[in-house]
Amino acid sequence: MNTATVLAAVFVVCGLAGVIVPVLPGLVLVAVGVLLWAYAESSAGGWAVFGLAAAVLVLGTVVKYILPGRRLREDGVPWITMAAGALLGVFGFFIIPVIGLPIGFVLGIYLAEILRLGNHASAWPSTVQAVKAVGLSMLIELAAGLLATAVWIAGIVIL
């Protein structure tokens, strides 16, 4: 195993950890790791592995935003509530860097629903759905990262 492969593995592992702990840009680090390996490999096969891994990561990123948002809409959470959650999530990310994004998102959903519906009992189901959406988003991102990692490892073994 050469130095570039070891360095790529460090990026990939840090990226997968970044999916769980949202301090690091998870899937971006996975992509950088596989790109570094493909560049060092300098073969058509290496670039094909990178292309496939990148496609998996892009698809995972798109699905991670679309699917949870659709489920929230199906559960009756209006777009303005989701926008409030997203806004407070971004704000929360800067207040509490490690976990502020999901906390802010859920808090934003809850506060917007309290304002819209007027009481805790009505707002709580939307908040529960928001927590499920955050969990689903993280699972989708982790699955995409693991699948891209599997593509990369297969590329190492085959090439």
N, C-alpha and C. Protein backbone atom coordinates (compact mmCIF):
# COMPACT_ATOMS: atom_id res chain seq x y z
N MET A 1 0.85 -1.18 0.00
CA MET A 1 0.00 0.00 0.00
C MET A 1 0.89 1.24 0.00
N ASN A 2 0.64 2.14 -0.94
CA ASN A 2 1.49 3.32 -1.04
C ASN A 2 0.99 4.47 -0.17
N THR A 3 1.76 5.53 -0.12
CA THR A 3 1.44 6.68 0.74
C THR A 3 0.13 7.33 0.34
N ALA A 4 -0.12 7.46 -0.95
CA ALA A 4 -1.36 8.09 -1.40
C ALA A 4 -2.58 7.29 -0.96
N THR A 5 -2.48 5.98 -0.97
CA THR A 5 -3.60 5.14 -0.54
C THR A 5 -3.86 5.30 0.96
N VAL A 6 -2.79 5.37 1.72
CA VAL A 6 -2.94 5.56 3.18
C VAL A 6 -3.54 6.93 3.47
N LEU A 7 -3.05 7.97 2.78
CA LEU A 7 -3.59 9.31 2.97
C LEU A 7 -5.06 9.36 2.54
N ALA A 8 -5.37 8.71 1.44
CA ALA A 8 -6.76 8.64 0.98
C ALA A 8 -7.63 7.95 2.02
N ALA A 9 -7.11 6.89 2.62
CA ALA A 9 -7.86 6.17 3.66
C ALA A 9 -8.14 7.07 4.86
N VAL A 10 -7.19 7.92 5.21
CA VAL A 10 -7.39 8.86 6.32
C VAL A 10 -8.53 9.82 5.98
N PHE A 11 -8.52 10.34 4.74
CA PHE A 11 -9.60 11.23 4.32
C PHE A 11 -10.95 10.51 4.35
N VAL A 12 -10.99 9.30 3.85
CA VAL A 12 -12.25 8.55 3.80
C VAL A 12 -12.77 8.28 5.21
N VAL A 13 -11.90 7.84 6.10
CA VAL A 13 -12.32 7.55 7.47
C VAL A 13 -12.80 8.83 8.17
N CYS A 14 -12.07 9.93 7.99
CA CYS A 14 -12.49 11.20 8.58
C CYS A 14 -13.82 11.65 7.99
N GLY A 15 -14.02 11.41 6.69
CA GLY A 15 -15.28 11.76 6.06
C GLY A 15 -16.44 10.96 6.62
N LEU A 16 -16.24 9.66 6.81
CA LEU A 16 -17.30 8.83 7.39
C LEU A 16 -17.60 9.26 8.82
N ALA A 17 -16.57 9.63 9.56
CA ALA A 17 -16.79 10.15 10.92
C ALA A 17 -17.54 11.48 10.86
N GLY A 18 -17.26 12.29 9.83
CA GLY A 18 -17.94 13.56 9.68
C GLY A 18 -19.42 13.44 9.38
N VAL A 19 -19.84 12.30 8.87
CA VAL A 19 -21.27 12.08 8.67
C VAL A 19 -21.96 11.93 10.02
N ILE A 20 -21.30 11.25 10.93
CA ILE A 20 -21.87 11.01 12.27
C ILE A 20 -21.77 12.26 13.14
N VAL A 21 -20.62 12.90 13.13
CA VAL A 21 -20.38 14.11 13.91
C VAL A 21 -20.25 15.27 12.92
N PRO A 22 -21.29 16.09 12.79
CA PRO A 22 -21.31 17.07 11.71
C PRO A 22 -20.34 18.24 11.87
N VAL A 23 -19.12 17.96 12.28
CA VAL A 23 -18.09 19.00 12.34
C VAL A 23 -17.36 19.06 11.01
N LEU A 24 -17.16 17.90 10.43
CA LEU A 24 -16.41 17.77 9.19
C LEU A 24 -17.37 17.61 8.01
N PRO A 25 -16.97 18.08 6.84
CA PRO A 25 -17.81 17.87 5.66
C PRO A 25 -17.68 16.44 5.16
N GLY A 26 -18.48 15.55 5.71
CA GLY A 26 -18.33 14.11 5.53
C GLY A 26 -18.12 13.62 4.12
N LEU A 27 -19.12 13.77 3.28
CA LEU A 27 -19.03 13.20 1.94
C LEU A 27 -17.99 13.92 1.08
N VAL A 28 -17.74 15.17 1.36
CA VAL A 28 -16.69 15.89 0.63
C VAL A 28 -15.33 15.27 0.93
N LEU A 29 -15.08 14.93 2.19
CA LEU A 29 -13.81 14.31 2.54
C LEU A 29 -13.66 12.93 1.92
N VAL A 30 -14.76 12.18 1.87
CA VAL A 30 -14.71 10.87 1.20
C VAL A 30 -14.34 11.07 -0.27
N ALA A 31 -14.97 12.04 -0.92
CA ALA A 31 -14.67 12.32 -2.33
C ALA A 31 -13.23 12.75 -2.52
N VAL A 32 -12.72 13.58 -1.63
CA VAL A 32 -11.33 14.04 -1.73
C VAL A 32 -10.38 12.86 -1.57
N GLY A 33 -10.68 11.97 -0.64
CA GLY A 33 -9.83 10.79 -0.45
C GLY A 33 -9.77 9.91 -1.69
N VAL A 34 -10.94 9.64 -2.28
CA VAL A 34 -10.97 8.80 -3.47
C VAL A 34 -10.32 9.53 -4.65
N LEU A 35 -10.51 10.84 -4.74
CA LEU A 35 -9.86 11.64 -5.80
C LEU A 35 -8.35 11.59 -5.67
N LEU A 36 -7.86 11.73 -4.45
CA LEU A 36 -6.41 11.66 -4.21
C LEU A 36 -5.87 10.31 -4.66
N TRP A 37 -6.57 9.24 -4.32
CA TRP A 37 -6.15 7.90 -4.72
C TRP A 37 -6.17 7.76 -6.24
N ALA A 38 -7.24 8.25 -6.88
CA ALA A 38 -7.36 8.13 -8.34
C ALA A 38 -6.24 8.91 -9.03
N TYR A 39 -5.92 10.07 -8.51
CA TYR A 39 -4.84 10.88 -9.08
C TYR A 39 -3.51 10.14 -8.96
N ALA A 40 -3.25 9.55 -7.80
CA ALA A 40 -2.00 8.80 -7.60
C ALA A 40 -1.98 7.53 -8.44
N GLU A 41 -3.13 6.92 -8.62
CA GLU A 41 -3.25 5.70 -9.42
C GLU A 41 -2.97 5.99 -10.89
N SER A 42 -3.42 7.13 -11.36
CA SER A 42 -3.19 7.61 -12.73
C SER A 42 -3.50 6.55 -13.80
N SER A 43 -4.64 5.92 -13.66
CA SER A 43 -5.05 4.94 -14.66
C SER A 43 -6.52 5.15 -14.98
N ALA A 44 -6.94 4.63 -16.10
CA ALA A 44 -8.35 4.73 -16.48
C ALA A 44 -9.24 4.05 -15.43
N GLY A 45 -8.76 2.93 -14.91
CA GLY A 45 -9.52 2.23 -13.87
C GLY A 45 -9.67 3.07 -12.61
N GLY A 46 -8.60 3.74 -12.22
CA GLY A 46 -8.65 4.61 -11.04
C GLY A 46 -9.64 5.73 -11.20
N TRP A 47 -9.63 6.36 -12.40
CA TRP A 47 -10.57 7.45 -12.65
C TRP A 47 -12.00 6.93 -12.76
N ALA A 48 -12.17 5.72 -13.26
CA ALA A 48 -13.51 5.13 -13.32
C ALA A 48 -14.05 4.88 -11.90
N VAL A 49 -13.18 4.42 -11.03
CA VAL A 49 -13.57 4.21 -9.63
C VAL A 49 -13.97 5.54 -9.00
N PHE A 50 -13.16 6.57 -9.24
CA PHE A 50 -13.50 7.89 -8.71
C PHE A 50 -14.84 8.37 -9.27
N GLY A 51 -15.04 8.21 -10.58
CA GLY A 51 -16.30 8.66 -11.18
C GLY A 51 -17.51 7.95 -10.59
N LEU A 52 -17.39 6.65 -10.39
CA LEU A 52 -18.50 5.89 -9.80
C LEU A 52 -18.73 6.32 -8.35
N ALA A 53 -17.65 6.46 -7.58
CA ALA A 53 -17.78 6.89 -6.19
C ALA A 53 -18.38 8.30 -6.12
N ALA A 54 -17.93 9.19 -6.99
CA ALA A 54 -18.47 10.55 -7.00
C ALA A 54 -19.95 10.56 -7.37
N ALA A 55 -20.34 9.72 -8.31
CA ALA A 55 -21.76 9.63 -8.68
C ALA A 55 -22.60 9.15 -7.50
N VAL A 56 -22.09 8.17 -6.77
CA VAL A 56 -22.80 7.68 -5.57
C VAL A 56 -22.93 8.80 -4.54
N LEU A 57 -21.86 9.56 -4.35
CA LEU A 57 -21.88 10.63 -3.35
C LEU A 57 -22.83 11.76 -3.76
N VAL A 58 -22.84 12.12 -5.03
CA VAL A 58 -23.75 13.17 -5.50
C VAL A 58 -25.19 12.70 -5.36
N LEU A 59 -25.47 11.48 -5.78
CA LEU A 59 -26.82 10.94 -5.65
C LEU A 59 -27.25 10.90 -4.18
N GLY A 60 -26.36 10.44 -3.31
CA GLY A 60 -26.67 10.40 -1.88
C GLY A 60 -26.96 11.78 -1.32
N THR A 61 -26.21 12.78 -1.76
CA THR A 61 -26.43 14.14 -1.28
C THR A 61 -27.78 14.67 -1.73
N VAL A 62 -28.14 14.42 -2.97
CA VAL A 62 -29.44 14.86 -3.48
C VAL A 62 -30.57 14.17 -2.73
N VAL A 63 -30.47 12.85 -2.58
CA VAL A 63 -31.53 12.09 -1.92
C VAL A 63 -31.64 12.47 -0.45
N LYS A 64 -30.52 12.80 0.18
CA LYS A 64 -30.55 13.14 1.60
C LYS A 64 -31.37 14.40 1.88
N TYR A 65 -31.50 15.27 0.89
CA TYR A 65 -32.33 16.46 1.07
C TYR A 65 -33.75 16.26 0.55
N ILE A 66 -33.91 15.52 -0.52
CA ILE A 66 -35.24 15.36 -1.13
C ILE A 66 -36.15 14.45 -0.32
N LEU A 67 -35.67 13.27 0.04
CA LEU A 67 -36.53 12.28 0.69
C LEU A 67 -37.05 12.73 2.05
N PRO A 68 -36.20 13.22 2.98
CA PRO A 68 -36.76 13.68 4.26
C PRO A 68 -37.71 14.87 4.09
N GLY A 69 -37.40 15.77 3.15
CA GLY A 69 -38.30 16.91 2.92
C GLY A 69 -39.65 16.47 2.42
N ARG A 70 -39.66 15.49 1.52
CA ARG A 70 -40.93 14.97 1.00
C ARG A 70 -41.73 14.31 2.12
N ARG A 71 -41.04 13.56 2.97
CA ARG A 71 -41.76 12.89 4.07
C ARG A 71 -42.35 13.91 5.03
N LEU A 72 -41.63 15.01 5.28
CA LEU A 72 -42.18 16.04 6.15
C LEU A 72 -43.43 16.67 5.52
N ARG A 73 -43.38 16.94 4.23
CA ARG A 73 -44.55 17.51 3.55
C ARG A 73 -45.73 16.54 3.60
N GLU A 74 -45.45 15.25 3.40
CA GLU A 74 -46.52 14.24 3.45
C GLU A 74 -47.15 14.16 4.84
N ASP A 75 -46.36 14.46 5.87
CA ASP A 75 -46.88 14.44 7.23
C ASP A 75 -47.53 15.75 7.64
N GLY A 76 -47.67 16.67 6.67
CA GLY A 76 -48.40 17.90 6.92
C GLY A 76 -47.57 19.05 7.46
N VAL A 77 -46.27 18.95 7.39
CA VAL A 77 -45.42 20.06 7.84
C VAL A 77 -45.26 21.01 6.65
N PRO A 78 -45.76 22.26 6.76
CA PRO A 78 -45.70 23.18 5.62
C PRO A 78 -44.28 23.66 5.31
N TRP A 79 -44.08 24.16 4.11
CA TRP A 79 -42.74 24.58 3.68
C TRP A 79 -42.21 25.71 4.54
N ILE A 80 -43.07 26.59 5.03
CA ILE A 80 -42.60 27.72 5.85
C ILE A 80 -42.03 27.21 7.17
N THR A 81 -42.61 26.13 7.68
CA THR A 81 -42.09 25.52 8.91
C THR A 81 -40.72 24.90 8.64
N MET A 82 -40.60 24.23 7.50
CA MET A 82 -39.30 23.63 7.15
C MET A 82 -38.25 24.72 6.91
N ALA A 83 -38.68 25.84 6.32
CA ALA A 83 -37.75 26.95 6.11
C ALA A 83 -37.28 27.52 7.45
N ALA A 84 -38.20 27.62 8.40
CA ALA A 84 -37.81 28.10 9.74
C ALA A 84 -36.84 27.12 10.38
N GLY A 85 -37.09 25.83 10.20
CA GLY A 85 -36.17 24.83 10.73
C GLY A 85 -34.80 24.94 10.09
N ALA A 86 -34.76 25.11 8.77
CA ALA A 86 -33.48 25.24 8.07
C ALA A 86 -32.74 26.49 8.52
N LEU A 87 -33.46 27.59 8.66
CA LEU A 87 -32.84 28.85 9.08
C LEU A 87 -32.27 28.73 10.49
N LEU A 88 -33.05 28.19 11.40
CA LEU A 88 -32.55 28.03 12.77
C LEU A 88 -31.46 26.97 12.83
N GLY A 89 -31.51 25.98 11.93
CA GLY A 89 -30.44 24.98 11.86
C GLY A 89 -29.11 25.62 11.48
N VAL A 90 -29.13 26.48 10.47
CA VAL A 90 -27.90 27.18 10.07
C VAL A 90 -27.41 28.07 11.20
N PHE A 91 -28.32 28.78 11.84
CA PHE A 91 -27.96 29.62 12.98
C PHE A 91 -27.37 28.76 14.11
N GLY A 92 -28.02 27.63 14.38
CA GLY A 92 -27.54 26.74 15.44
C GLY A 92 -26.17 26.17 15.15
N PHE A 93 -25.87 25.95 13.86
CA PHE A 93 -24.55 25.44 13.49
C PHE A 93 -23.44 26.38 13.94
N PHE A 94 -23.70 27.69 13.87
CA PHE A 94 -22.68 28.66 14.28
C PHE A 94 -22.65 28.86 15.80
N ILE A 95 -23.75 28.58 16.47
CA ILE A 95 -23.79 28.73 17.93
C ILE A 95 -23.18 27.50 18.61
N ILE A 96 -23.56 26.31 18.17
CA ILE A 96 -23.04 25.05 18.70
C ILE A 96 -22.45 24.27 17.52
N PRO A 97 -21.16 24.47 17.22
CA PRO A 97 -20.59 23.91 15.99
C PRO A 97 -20.76 22.41 15.80
N VAL A 98 -20.73 21.62 16.80
CA VAL A 98 -20.76 20.18 16.59
C VAL A 98 -22.17 19.67 16.30
N ILE A 99 -23.12 20.06 17.09
CA ILE A 99 -24.47 19.50 16.95
C ILE A 99 -25.54 20.56 16.74
N GLY A 100 -25.14 21.79 16.49
CA GLY A 100 -26.10 22.89 16.37
C GLY A 100 -27.03 22.80 15.19
N LEU A 101 -26.58 22.22 14.07
CA LEU A 101 -27.43 22.14 12.89
C LEU A 101 -28.68 21.29 13.14
N PRO A 102 -28.54 20.03 13.58
CA PRO A 102 -29.77 19.27 13.81
C PRO A 102 -30.60 19.80 14.97
N ILE A 103 -29.94 20.29 16.02
CA ILE A 103 -30.70 20.85 17.15
C ILE A 103 -31.47 22.08 16.70
N GLY A 104 -30.81 22.96 15.97
CA GLY A 104 -31.48 24.17 15.47
C GLY A 104 -32.62 23.85 14.53
N PHE A 105 -32.43 22.83 13.67
CA PHE A 105 -33.48 22.44 12.74
C PHE A 105 -34.72 21.97 13.51
N VAL A 106 -34.53 21.10 14.46
CA VAL A 106 -35.66 20.56 15.23
C VAL A 106 -36.31 21.67 16.05
N LEU A 107 -35.51 22.52 16.68
CA LEU A 107 -36.05 23.63 17.46
C LEU A 107 -36.82 24.60 16.57
N GLY A 108 -36.30 24.86 15.38
CA GLY A 108 -36.99 25.74 14.45
C GLY A 108 -38.34 25.18 14.03
N ILE A 109 -38.39 23.88 13.77
CA ILE A 109 -39.66 23.23 13.43
C ILE A 109 -40.65 23.39 14.59
N TYR A 110 -40.17 23.10 15.79
CA TYR A 110 -41.05 23.17 16.97
C TYR A 110 -41.59 24.59 17.18
N LEU A 111 -40.69 25.56 17.13
CA LEU A 111 -41.13 26.95 17.37
C LEU A 111 -42.08 27.43 16.27
N ALA A 112 -41.80 27.09 15.03
CA ALA A 112 -42.69 27.50 13.94
C ALA A 112 -44.06 26.84 14.08
N GLU A 113 -44.09 25.59 14.49
CA GLU A 113 -45.37 24.90 14.67
C GLU A 113 -46.12 25.43 15.88
N ILE A 114 -45.41 25.80 16.92
CA ILE A 114 -46.08 26.42 18.08
C ILE A 114 -46.74 27.73 17.65
N LEU A 115 -46.02 28.53 16.86
CA LEU A 115 -46.59 29.78 16.38
C LEU A 115 -47.78 29.53 15.45
N ARG A 116 -47.66 28.53 14.60
CA ARG A 116 -48.71 28.25 13.62
C ARG A 116 -49.95 27.62 14.26
N LEU A 117 -49.72 26.65 15.15
CA LEU A 117 -50.83 25.87 15.69
C LEU A 117 -51.28 26.32 17.08
N GLY A 118 -50.42 27.00 17.79
CA GLY A 118 -50.82 27.60 19.06
C GLY A 118 -50.61 26.79 20.32
N ASN A 119 -50.26 25.50 20.22
CA ASN A 119 -50.05 24.75 21.46
C ASN A 119 -49.05 23.62 21.25
N HIS A 120 -48.55 23.14 22.37
CA HIS A 120 -47.53 22.08 22.35
C HIS A 120 -48.08 20.77 21.77
N ALA A 121 -49.28 20.41 22.16
CA ALA A 121 -49.85 19.12 21.73
C ALA A 121 -49.98 19.04 20.21
N SER A 122 -50.28 20.14 19.57
CA SER A 122 -50.39 20.14 18.11
C SER A 122 -49.04 20.24 17.43
N ALA A 123 -48.10 20.93 18.06
CA ALA A 123 -46.78 21.15 17.46
C ALA A 123 -45.87 19.94 17.62
N TRP A 124 -46.08 19.16 18.65
CA TRP A 124 -45.17 18.04 18.94
C TRP A 124 -45.08 17.00 17.83
N PRO A 125 -46.19 16.57 17.20
CA PRO A 125 -46.05 15.58 16.12
C PRO A 125 -45.16 16.05 14.97
N SER A 126 -45.22 17.32 14.63
CA SER A 126 -44.34 17.85 13.59
C SER A 126 -42.88 17.81 14.02
N THR A 127 -42.66 18.06 15.28
CA THR A 127 -41.29 18.03 15.81
C THR A 127 -40.75 16.61 15.78
N VAL A 128 -41.56 15.64 16.14
CA VAL A 128 -41.14 14.24 16.09
C VAL A 128 -40.80 13.86 14.65
N GLN A 129 -41.62 14.30 13.70
CA GLN A 129 -41.34 14.02 12.30
C GLN A 129 -40.04 14.68 11.85
N ALA A 130 -39.74 15.86 12.39
CA ALA A 130 -38.48 16.54 12.06
C ALA A 130 -37.28 15.75 12.57
N VAL A 131 -37.41 15.20 13.78
CA VAL A 131 -36.32 14.38 14.33
C VAL A 131 -36.11 13.14 13.46
N LYS A 132 -37.21 12.53 13.04
CA LYS A 132 -37.10 11.37 12.15
C LYS A 132 -36.46 11.76 10.82
N ALA A 133 -36.80 12.93 10.31
CA ALA A 133 -36.22 13.41 9.05
C ALA A 133 -34.72 13.63 9.18
N VAL A 134 -34.28 14.19 10.29
CA VAL A 134 -32.85 14.39 10.52
C VAL A 134 -32.14 13.03 10.57
N GLY A 135 -32.73 12.08 11.27
CA GLY A 135 -32.14 10.74 11.34
C GLY A 135 -32.09 10.07 9.98
N LEU A 136 -33.16 10.19 9.20
CA LEU A 136 -33.18 9.61 7.86
C LEU A 136 -32.12 10.25 6.98
N SER A 137 -31.97 11.55 7.09
CA SER A 137 -30.96 12.27 6.31
C SER A 137 -29.56 11.77 6.64
N MET A 138 -29.28 11.57 7.92
CA MET A 138 -27.97 11.07 8.33
C MET A 138 -27.75 9.64 7.85
N LEU A 139 -28.79 8.81 7.90
CA LEU A 139 -28.67 7.44 7.41
C LEU A 139 -28.39 7.38 5.91
N ILE A 140 -29.07 8.23 5.16
CA ILE A 140 -28.85 8.28 3.71
C ILE A 140 -27.43 8.73 3.42
N GLU A 141 -26.96 9.75 4.13
CA GLU A 141 -25.60 10.24 3.93
C GLU A 141 -24.57 9.17 4.29
N LEU A 142 -24.80 8.47 5.39
CA LEU A 142 -23.88 7.42 5.81
C LEU A 142 -23.88 6.28 4.79
N ALA A 143 -25.06 5.90 4.29
CA ALA A 143 -25.13 4.84 3.29
C ALA A 143 -24.38 5.23 2.03
N ALA A 144 -24.52 6.47 1.59
CA ALA A 144 -23.80 6.93 0.40
C ALA A 144 -22.30 6.91 0.65
N GLY A 145 -21.87 7.36 1.82
CA GLY A 145 -20.44 7.35 2.15
C GLY A 145 -19.88 5.94 2.21
N LEU A 146 -20.63 5.03 2.80
CA LEU A 146 -20.17 3.64 2.89
C LEU A 146 -20.15 2.96 1.52
N LEU A 147 -21.14 3.25 0.70
CA LEU A 147 -21.17 2.67 -0.64
C LEU A 147 -20.01 3.20 -1.49
N ALA A 148 -19.74 4.49 -1.40
CA ALA A 148 -18.60 5.06 -2.13
C ALA A 148 -17.29 4.47 -1.62
N THR A 149 -17.20 4.25 -0.32
CA THR A 149 -16.01 3.62 0.26
C THR A 149 -15.86 2.19 -0.25
N ALA A 150 -16.96 1.48 -0.35
CA ALA A 150 -16.91 0.10 -0.87
C ALA A 150 -16.46 0.09 -2.32
N VAL A 151 -16.92 1.06 -3.11
CA VAL A 151 -16.48 1.17 -4.51
C VAL A 151 -14.97 1.41 -4.55
N TRP A 152 -14.50 2.30 -3.70
CA TRP A 152 -13.07 2.62 -3.64
C TRP A 152 -12.24 1.40 -3.23
N ILE A 153 -12.69 0.68 -2.20
CA ILE A 153 -11.96 -0.51 -1.74
C ILE A 153 -11.95 -1.57 -2.83
N ALA A 154 -13.07 -1.75 -3.52
CA ALA A 154 -13.10 -2.69 -4.64
C ALA A 154 -12.10 -2.27 -5.72
N GLY A 155 -12.01 -0.96 -5.95
CA GLY A 155 -11.02 -0.47 -6.91
C GLY A 155 -9.59 -0.76 -6.49
N ILE A 156 -9.31 -0.65 -5.21
CA ILE A 156 -7.97 -0.95 -4.70
C ILE A 156 -7.67 -2.43 -4.93
N VAL A 157 -8.62 -3.27 -4.60
CA VAL A 157 -8.41 -4.71 -4.72
C VAL A 157 -8.26 -5.14 -6.18
N ILE A 158 -9.11 -4.61 -7.04
CA ILE A 158 -9.10 -5.01 -8.45
C ILE A 158 -7.89 -4.44 -9.18
N LEU A 159 -7.57 -3.19 -8.91
CA LEU A 159 -6.47 -2.55 -9.63
C LEU A 159 -5.19 -2.83 -8.89
